[in-house]
Amino acid sequence: MFKNSINDAIDQLLEEGYLPEFFRKKELRDMFAEVFSYDQELIDKGISQGIDIGIEQGLEQGIEQGAHEKAIEMAKTMLDSKATLDYIVKFSGLSLHEIQRLAV
């Protein structure tokens, strides 16, 4: 299918005078179709790898965000229980500044 698209494009460019006549040779057309097909395979592979990396990064960010939200929830509960700020810092993993903001 891709090879047909290349041949159609070459035909159109020949008709419009953008390519010299030697592009009518089958061997040359086949060579171009093969080169463009290979390039398309590389592009498809690159897109696929990019999507995989994006999904992986998104999952990592989601896990980190969820863990941070859980730490905030735990710190709020500890504040309600009158735990000391040092104790909350130690067990929540949040900074003293973050916990002080929650306490307000």
N, C-alpha and C. Protein backbone atom coordinates (compact mmCIF):
# COMPACT_ATOMS: atom_id res chain seq x y z
N MET A 1 0.83 -1.20 0.00
CA MET A 1 0.00 0.00 0.00
C MET A 1 0.87 1.26 0.00
N PHE A 2 1.89 1.25 0.87
CA PHE A 2 2.78 2.41 0.94
C PHE A 2 3.51 2.60 -0.39
N LYS A 3 3.90 1.47 -1.00
CA LYS A 3 4.62 1.53 -2.29
C LYS A 3 3.73 2.18 -3.35
N ASN A 4 2.44 1.86 -3.35
CA ASN A 4 1.51 2.47 -4.30
C ASN A 4 1.43 3.98 -4.08
N SER A 5 1.44 4.40 -2.82
CA SER A 5 1.38 5.83 -2.52
C SER A 5 2.60 6.55 -3.07
N ILE A 6 3.76 5.93 -2.93
CA ILE A 6 5.00 6.52 -3.46
C ILE A 6 4.90 6.63 -4.98
N ASN A 7 4.46 5.54 -5.61
CA ASN A 7 4.34 5.56 -7.08
C ASN A 7 3.33 6.61 -7.54
N ASP A 8 2.24 6.74 -6.85
CA ASP A 8 1.25 7.77 -7.19
C ASP A 8 1.86 9.16 -7.07
N ALA A 9 2.62 9.38 -6.01
CA ALA A 9 3.25 10.69 -5.82
C ALA A 9 4.27 10.97 -6.93
N ILE A 10 5.06 9.94 -7.28
CA ILE A 10 6.03 10.11 -8.37
C ILE A 10 5.32 10.41 -9.68
N ASP A 11 4.22 9.69 -9.97
CA ASP A 11 3.45 9.95 -11.19
C ASP A 11 2.97 11.40 -11.25
N GLN A 12 2.45 11.87 -10.13
CA GLN A 12 1.94 13.24 -10.10
C GLN A 12 3.07 14.25 -10.31
N LEU A 13 4.20 14.02 -9.67
CA LEU A 13 5.33 14.93 -9.83
C LEU A 13 5.88 14.89 -11.26
N LEU A 14 5.85 13.71 -11.90
CA LEU A 14 6.27 13.61 -13.30
C LEU A 14 5.33 14.40 -14.20
N GLU A 15 4.02 14.22 -13.97
CA GLU A 15 3.02 14.91 -14.79
C GLU A 15 3.14 16.43 -14.66
N GLU A 16 3.47 16.88 -13.47
CA GLU A 16 3.56 18.32 -13.23
C GLU A 16 4.94 18.88 -13.60
N GLY A 17 5.84 18.00 -14.05
CA GLY A 17 7.14 18.45 -14.53
C GLY A 17 8.17 18.70 -13.44
N TYR A 18 7.95 18.20 -12.24
CA TYR A 18 8.89 18.42 -11.15
C TYR A 18 10.01 17.39 -11.10
N LEU A 19 9.83 16.26 -11.78
CA LEU A 19 10.85 15.21 -11.80
C LEU A 19 11.28 14.91 -13.23
N PRO A 20 12.56 14.57 -13.40
CA PRO A 20 13.01 14.19 -14.75
C PRO A 20 12.44 12.83 -15.16
N GLU A 21 12.46 12.55 -16.45
CA GLU A 21 11.85 11.34 -17.02
C GLU A 21 12.44 10.04 -16.48
N PHE A 22 13.70 10.04 -16.06
CA PHE A 22 14.28 8.76 -15.62
C PHE A 22 13.60 8.21 -14.37
N PHE A 23 12.76 9.01 -13.73
CA PHE A 23 11.99 8.50 -12.59
C PHE A 23 10.88 7.55 -13.03
N ARG A 24 10.67 7.41 -14.33
CA ARG A 24 9.67 6.46 -14.82
C ARG A 24 10.18 5.03 -14.72
N LYS A 25 11.49 4.83 -14.52
CA LYS A 25 12.06 3.49 -14.44
C LYS A 25 11.59 2.80 -13.16
N LYS A 26 11.14 1.57 -13.32
CA LYS A 26 10.60 0.79 -12.20
C LYS A 26 11.63 0.59 -11.09
N GLU A 27 12.88 0.31 -11.46
CA GLU A 27 13.91 0.06 -10.45
C GLU A 27 14.11 1.27 -9.55
N LEU A 28 14.10 2.44 -10.15
CA LEU A 28 14.28 3.67 -9.38
C LEU A 28 13.08 3.91 -8.46
N ARG A 29 11.89 3.66 -8.98
CA ARG A 29 10.68 3.82 -8.16
C ARG A 29 10.71 2.86 -6.97
N ASP A 30 11.10 1.61 -7.24
CA ASP A 30 11.16 0.61 -6.18
C ASP A 30 12.17 1.01 -5.10
N MET A 31 13.30 1.57 -5.54
CA MET A 31 14.32 2.01 -4.59
C MET A 31 13.76 3.13 -3.70
N PHE A 32 13.09 4.10 -4.30
CA PHE A 32 12.51 5.20 -3.51
C PHE A 32 11.44 4.67 -2.55
N ALA A 33 10.61 3.76 -3.03
CA ALA A 33 9.57 3.21 -2.17
C ALA A 33 10.19 2.48 -0.98
N GLU A 34 11.28 1.77 -1.23
CA GLU A 34 11.94 1.04 -0.15
C GLU A 34 12.56 2.00 0.86
N VAL A 35 13.21 3.05 0.38
CA VAL A 35 13.82 4.04 1.28
C VAL A 35 12.75 4.73 2.12
N PHE A 36 11.67 5.18 1.47
CA PHE A 36 10.61 5.86 2.22
C PHE A 36 9.90 4.92 3.18
N SER A 37 9.77 3.67 2.79
CA SER A 37 9.14 2.67 3.66
C SER A 37 10.00 2.47 4.90
N TYR A 38 11.32 2.37 4.71
CA TYR A 38 12.23 2.22 5.83
C TYR A 38 12.15 3.42 6.76
N ASP A 39 12.13 4.63 6.18
CA ASP A 39 12.00 5.84 6.98
C ASP A 39 10.70 5.83 7.78
N GLN A 40 9.61 5.38 7.16
CA GLN A 40 8.33 5.34 7.85
C GLN A 40 8.38 4.35 9.02
N GLU A 41 9.08 3.22 8.82
CA GLU A 41 9.23 2.25 9.90
C GLU A 41 9.97 2.88 11.08
N LEU A 42 11.02 3.65 10.78
CA LEU A 42 11.78 4.32 11.84
C LEU A 42 10.92 5.36 12.56
N ILE A 43 10.14 6.10 11.79
CA ILE A 43 9.24 7.10 12.38
C ILE A 43 8.22 6.42 13.28
N ASP A 44 7.61 5.34 12.79
CA ASP A 44 6.63 4.61 13.59
C ASP A 44 7.25 4.06 14.88
N LYS A 45 8.47 3.53 14.75
CA LYS A 45 9.16 3.00 15.93
C LYS A 45 9.46 4.12 16.93
N GLY A 46 9.89 5.27 16.42
CA GLY A 46 10.17 6.41 17.30
C GLY A 46 8.92 6.90 18.01
N ILE A 47 7.82 6.95 17.29
CA ILE A 47 6.55 7.37 17.90
C ILE A 47 6.14 6.39 18.99
N SER A 48 6.26 5.12 18.69
CA SER A 48 5.90 4.08 19.67
C SER A 48 6.77 4.19 20.93
N GLN A 49 8.06 4.38 20.74
CA GLN A 49 8.96 4.52 21.88
C GLN A 49 8.62 5.78 22.68
N GLY A 50 8.30 6.85 21.98
CA GLY A 50 7.93 8.10 22.65
C GLY A 50 6.68 7.93 23.50
N ILE A 51 5.71 7.22 22.95
CA ILE A 51 4.47 6.96 23.70
C ILE A 51 4.77 6.13 24.94
N ASP A 52 5.60 5.09 24.79
CA ASP A 52 5.95 4.23 25.93
C ASP A 52 6.65 5.03 27.02
N ILE A 53 7.57 5.91 26.62
CA ILE A 53 8.29 6.73 27.60
C ILE A 53 7.32 7.69 28.29
N GLY A 54 6.42 8.28 27.52
CA GLY A 54 5.43 9.19 28.10
C GLY A 54 4.52 8.51 29.11
N ILE A 55 4.10 7.30 28.78
CA ILE A 55 3.25 6.54 29.71
C ILE A 55 4.02 6.23 30.99
N GLU A 56 5.26 5.80 30.84
CA GLU A 56 6.09 5.47 32.00
C GLU A 56 6.29 6.70 32.89
N GLN A 57 6.60 7.84 32.28
CA GLN A 57 6.80 9.06 33.06
C GLN A 57 5.51 9.50 33.73
N GLY A 58 4.40 9.35 33.02
CA GLY A 58 3.11 9.72 33.60
C GLY A 58 2.76 8.87 34.81
N LEU A 59 3.04 7.58 34.71
CA LEU A 59 2.79 6.68 35.84
C LEU A 59 3.67 7.05 37.03
N GLU A 60 4.94 7.32 36.77
CA GLU A 60 5.85 7.71 37.85
C GLU A 60 5.37 8.98 38.53
N GLN A 61 4.96 9.97 37.73
CA GLN A 61 4.48 11.23 38.30
C GLN A 61 3.20 11.01 39.10
N GLY A 62 2.33 10.16 38.58
CA GLY A 62 1.08 9.87 39.29
C GLY A 62 1.33 9.19 40.62
N ILE A 63 2.26 8.26 40.64
CA ILE A 63 2.60 7.56 41.89
C ILE A 63 3.19 8.55 42.89
N GLU A 64 4.12 9.39 42.42
CA GLU A 64 4.72 10.40 43.30
C GLU A 64 3.68 11.36 43.86
N GLN A 65 2.77 11.80 42.99
CA GLN A 65 1.74 12.74 43.43
C GLN A 65 0.81 12.06 44.44
N GLY A 66 0.45 10.81 44.17
CA GLY A 66 -0.42 10.08 45.11
C GLY A 66 0.25 9.89 46.47
N ALA A 67 1.54 9.57 46.46
CA ALA A 67 2.27 9.39 47.72
C ALA A 67 2.34 10.71 48.49
N HIS A 68 2.54 11.81 47.76
CA HIS A 68 2.60 13.12 48.42
C HIS A 68 1.25 13.49 49.02
N GLU A 69 0.19 13.23 48.28
CA GLU A 69 -1.16 13.52 48.80
C GLU A 69 -1.47 12.66 50.03
N LYS A 70 -1.02 11.43 50.02
CA LYS A 70 -1.23 10.54 51.17
C LYS A 70 -0.45 11.06 52.37
N ALA A 71 0.78 11.56 52.14
CA ALA A 71 1.58 12.12 53.22
C ALA A 71 0.89 13.35 53.82
N ILE A 72 0.30 14.18 52.97
CA ILE A 72 -0.42 15.36 53.46
C ILE A 72 -1.63 14.93 54.29
N GLU A 73 -2.35 13.95 53.81
CA GLU A 73 -3.51 13.44 54.54
C GLU A 73 -3.09 12.91 55.92
N MET A 74 -1.98 12.17 55.94
CA MET A 74 -1.48 11.61 57.20
C MET A 74 -1.05 12.75 58.13
N ALA A 75 -0.37 13.75 57.59
CA ALA A 75 0.08 14.88 58.42
C ALA A 75 -1.11 15.62 59.02
N LYS A 76 -2.17 15.80 58.24
CA LYS A 76 -3.37 16.48 58.76
C LYS A 76 -3.98 15.68 59.91
N THR A 77 -4.03 14.39 59.76
CA THR A 77 -4.57 13.52 60.82
C THR A 77 -3.69 13.62 62.06
N MET A 78 -2.39 13.64 61.86
CA MET A 78 -1.47 13.73 62.99
C MET A 78 -1.59 15.10 63.67
N LEU A 79 -1.78 16.15 62.87
CA LEU A 79 -1.98 17.49 63.46
C LEU A 79 -3.26 17.50 64.30
N ASP A 80 -4.32 16.89 63.77
CA ASP A 80 -5.58 16.81 64.52
C ASP A 80 -5.41 16.04 65.82
N SER A 81 -4.47 15.10 65.83
CA SER A 81 -4.20 14.28 67.02
C SER A 81 -3.20 14.95 67.96
N LYS A 82 -2.81 16.18 67.62
CA LYS A 82 -1.89 16.98 68.45
C LYS A 82 -0.47 16.41 68.51
N ALA A 83 -0.05 15.71 67.44
CA ALA A 83 1.33 15.23 67.38
C ALA A 83 2.27 16.42 67.21
N THR A 84 3.50 16.28 67.67
CA THR A 84 4.47 17.37 67.54
C THR A 84 4.89 17.50 66.07
N LEU A 85 5.33 18.71 65.73
CA LEU A 85 5.76 18.96 64.35
C LEU A 85 6.96 18.08 63.98
N ASP A 86 7.90 17.92 64.90
CA ASP A 86 9.06 17.06 64.62
C ASP A 86 8.63 15.63 64.34
N TYR A 87 7.68 15.13 65.10
CA TYR A 87 7.17 13.77 64.93
C TYR A 87 6.50 13.63 63.55
N ILE A 88 5.72 14.63 63.17
CA ILE A 88 5.03 14.60 61.88
C ILE A 88 6.03 14.66 60.73
N VAL A 89 7.06 15.51 60.87
CA VAL A 89 8.10 15.59 59.84
C VAL A 89 8.76 14.23 59.67
N LYS A 90 9.10 13.61 60.77
CA LYS A 90 9.81 12.32 60.75
C LYS A 90 9.00 11.24 60.05
N PHE A 91 7.72 11.14 60.32
CA PHE A 91 6.93 10.03 59.79
C PHE A 91 6.17 10.32 58.50
N SER A 92 5.98 11.59 58.19
CA SER A 92 5.25 11.90 56.95
C SER A 92 6.18 12.08 55.76
N GLY A 93 7.43 12.48 56.04
CA GLY A 93 8.36 12.76 54.96
C GLY A 93 8.18 14.17 54.39
N LEU A 94 7.24 14.92 54.92
CA LEU A 94 7.03 16.29 54.48
C LEU A 94 8.00 17.22 55.19
N SER A 95 8.23 18.37 54.60
CA SER A 95 9.11 19.35 55.24
C SER A 95 8.36 20.06 56.37
N LEU A 96 9.13 20.64 57.26
CA LEU A 96 8.54 21.40 58.36
C LEU A 96 7.68 22.53 57.82
N HIS A 97 8.15 23.18 56.76
CA HIS A 97 7.41 24.28 56.14
C HIS A 97 6.05 23.81 55.62
N GLU A 98 6.03 22.65 54.95
CA GLU A 98 4.75 22.12 54.44
C GLU A 98 3.77 21.84 55.58
N ILE A 99 4.28 21.29 56.66
CA ILE A 99 3.41 20.93 57.78
C ILE A 99 2.91 22.19 58.48
N GLN A 100 3.77 23.18 58.60
CA GLN A 100 3.35 24.45 59.21
C GLN A 100 2.23 25.10 58.38
N ARG A 101 2.32 25.00 57.06
CA ARG A 101 1.25 25.54 56.20
C ARG A 101 -0.05 24.78 56.44
N LEU A 102 0.03 23.49 56.66
CA LEU A 102 -1.17 22.68 56.90
C LEU A 102 -1.79 23.03 58.26
N ALA A 103 -0.96 23.42 59.21
CA ALA A 103 -1.43 23.69 60.56
C ALA A 103 -2.22 24.98 60.65
N VAL A 104 -2.10 25.84 59.67
CA VAL A 104 -2.78 27.14 59.72
C VAL A 104 -4.24 27.00 59.42
